Amino acid sequence: MRIVGIDCGSEKTGYGVLESDGRCHRLISAGVIRTRNSDPLEQRLQQIAIELRRVLREFTPDSFAVEEVFHAVNAKSALKLAHVRGVALLLAAEAGLEVSEYSPLEVKMSVTGYGRAEKHQVQMMVHSLLGIGPTFQSHDATDALAVAICHGTRASLPLHAGARQ
């Protein structure tokens, strides 16, 4: 199955595309959509939408996975994150994809086996599971791949354990 994972952010939105049979995962593409903090929010959301549409069109995923919102530094940050998630969820719906959401704990458990793993531990395991070196300049792409790996692993389990669809 081809999976796109998204790590939402108003300045940097990471995406990761991989093929997975639930046990083996193969990297197809990953990257970061960067916006300028100085641009109005609506322009940043438009830029994110344009780039995510391109990713969905180019890689034609079977599944769409995103991390649940768990906290933000402040209410303003949480609202911006919610707007970006809304754009991502809308684009998934437009593409006819079911959305699966995972908590940060579920993502970390799937990738490292430990729900309280540090960011660098998640990154090391993503690189190890995909058989790639530390090639990404941003944690956002790696985080998006971790979400995709989590979905690939959990979607292959009976009744899609852990997925909220």
Foldseek 3Di string as FASTA:
>chain_A
DWEKFWEFFLAKIKIWIWDFQQQAIAGDDIDIQGDDPPDDSVVSLVSLLVVVLVVCVVPVGQAYEYEDDDDDPDPVRVVSRVSNVVSVVVSCVVSVHDYWYAYCQLLCCLQPVGSPDDLVSLLVSLCVRNVHDPPYPDSNRSVRSSRRSSQSNQVNDPPSPRTDD
